[in-house]
Amino acid sequence: MKVLIPSPLQSYTGAARVVAHGATLAALLEDLERRFPGIRFRMVDEQDRIRRHIRVFVGGEQVLELASPLGAGDEVVIVQALSGG
């Protein structure tokens, strides 16, 4: 499926869009990690939860759980919030 990568994480992928596979969000992130080492840690914390500043959308709907199922034709959009003052 197509995965849109936010600008701050493109240093891992070298592209704004990549193709990844997985039946769940967790499996998709594991696939990304195999191909782009270090990227998963930027999105998932030590308690295996999506980090506060990361939003993941599948088919336009926000996904909050790593166990959320994905379909082969889904488009996954990863958004990283900006912070600072």
Protein backbone atom coordinates (compact mmCIF):
# COMPACT_ATOMS: atom_id res chain seq x y z
CA MET A 1 0.00 0.00 0.00
CA LYS A 2 1.06 3.61 -0.42
CA VAL A 3 2.50 5.36 2.62
CA LEU A 4 2.98 9.13 2.73
CA ILE A 5 5.99 10.06 4.84
CA PRO A 6 6.21 13.45 6.60
CA SER A 7 9.19 15.67 5.78
CA PRO A 8 11.01 15.12 9.11
CA LEU A 9 11.09 11.35 8.48
CA GLN A 10 12.10 11.51 4.83
CA SER A 11 15.75 11.42 5.87
CA TYR A 12 15.10 7.72 6.59
CA THR A 13 13.20 6.90 3.40
CA GLY A 14 14.66 9.36 0.92
CA ALA A 15 11.16 9.85 -0.48
CA ALA A 16 7.80 11.40 0.39
CA ARG A 17 5.96 8.25 -0.71
CA VAL A 18 6.91 4.63 -0.23
CA VAL A 19 5.19 1.29 -0.65
CA ALA A 20 4.92 -0.97 2.40
CA HIS A 21 3.02 -4.09 3.36
CA GLY A 22 1.20 -5.30 6.46
CA ALA A 23 -2.17 -6.59 7.60
CA THR A 24 -2.07 -4.22 10.60
CA LEU A 25 -0.49 -0.86 11.32
CA ALA A 26 2.08 -2.65 13.51
CA ALA A 27 3.05 -4.97 10.65
CA LEU A 28 3.30 -2.06 8.23
CA LEU A 29 5.61 -0.19 10.62
CA GLU A 30 7.73 -3.33 11.02
CA ASP A 31 8.03 -3.53 7.23
CA LEU A 32 9.13 0.11 7.12
CA GLU A 33 11.65 -0.57 9.90
CA ARG A 34 13.19 -3.49 7.99
CA ARG A 35 13.72 -1.28 4.96
CA PHE A 36 14.44 2.02 6.73
CA PRO A 37 16.13 1.22 10.08
CA GLY A 38 15.31 3.65 12.87
CA ILE A 39 12.06 5.02 11.44
CA ARG A 40 9.74 3.03 13.72
CA PHE A 41 11.31 4.43 16.90
CA ARG A 42 10.51 7.93 15.65
CA MET A 43 6.81 6.96 15.44
CA VAL A 44 6.31 4.44 18.27
CA ASP A 45 7.40 4.84 21.90
CA GLU A 46 8.88 2.31 24.33
CA GLN A 47 5.37 1.28 25.48
CA ASP A 48 4.48 0.33 21.89
CA ARG A 49 2.13 3.28 21.42
CA ILE A 50 2.03 5.83 18.65
CA ARG A 51 3.99 8.87 19.85
CA ARG A 52 2.00 11.97 20.90
CA HIS A 53 3.29 14.08 18.02
CA ILE A 54 2.51 11.48 15.34
CA ARG A 55 -0.87 11.05 13.66
CA VAL A 56 -1.64 8.17 11.32
CA PHE A 57 -4.57 8.27 8.90
CA VAL A 58 -5.89 5.35 6.89
CA GLY A 59 -8.46 6.19 4.26
CA GLY A 60 -8.85 9.64 5.77
CA GLU A 61 -9.65 8.28 9.26
CA GLN A 62 -7.25 8.62 12.17
CA VAL A 63 -5.89 5.32 13.49
CA LEU A 64 -4.91 5.21 17.16
CA GLU A 65 -3.96 1.57 17.72
CA LEU A 66 -1.08 -0.42 16.24
CA ALA A 67 -3.41 -3.44 16.01
CA SER A 68 -5.71 -1.60 13.57
CA PRO A 69 -6.28 -3.68 10.43
CA LEU A 70 -5.19 -2.42 7.01
CA GLY A 71 -6.43 -3.38 3.56
CA ALA A 72 -4.21 -3.94 0.53
CA GLY A 73 -5.59 -0.86 -1.24
CA ASP A 74 -5.41 1.50 1.74
CA GLU A 75 -3.38 4.66 1.67
CA VAL A 76 -1.58 5.44 4.94
CA VAL A 77 -0.73 9.05 5.73
CA ILE A 78 1.73 9.74 8.55
CA VAL A 79 1.67 13.27 9.92
CA GLN A 80 4.17 14.69 12.38
CA ALA A 81 3.01 17.65 14.43
CA LEU A 82 5.23 20.71 14.68
CA SER A 83 6.20 21.91 18.11
CA GLY A 84 8.11 24.72 19.61
CA GLY A 85 7.47 28.32 20.35
